[in-house]
Structure formats: C-alpha cells, structure tokens
Amino acid sequence: MIIQRKSLFLCALLLLCATARAEITEQQIEADCAKIPVLASQGEQLYKTQKYAKARDAFEQQAA
C-alpha cells in the first residue's frame, strides 16, 4: 500500500514537471547576454575594493 502511494506520488510529480517549461524569447536571451560584461566589470571592481559579498553577488548574477 505504501509503495503504491509513493509510485502514485512520483508519477504525479513527473507529470507536473514534464508540463512545466520556461518561455524565453530571443530578445530576452540577447538582453541577458548584454548584461554579462557589465556584471563582470562590476564584480571585478567590487572585488578590487574588497567588497567581497557584493562582488560575489555580481559574479553570481553573471553566472545565472
């Protein structure tokens, strides 16, 4: 009985995940790519001024 409930839950979760998708337009991709050099520069400047937490945030945004 417990195994059947787990299987049912996993199947439902799989169906939910299969229907989820991101809608990203070409324009959004280009805009995000244009931000990369700016974020890299900001992170570098913040790192040089020893503002490590803010530099990490900029580098994380660049990687995202």
Foldseek 3Di string as FASTA:
>chain_A
DVVVVVVVVVVVVVVVVVPDDDDDDPVNVVVLVVCLVVLQVVLVVCVVVVVNVVSVVSVVSNVD
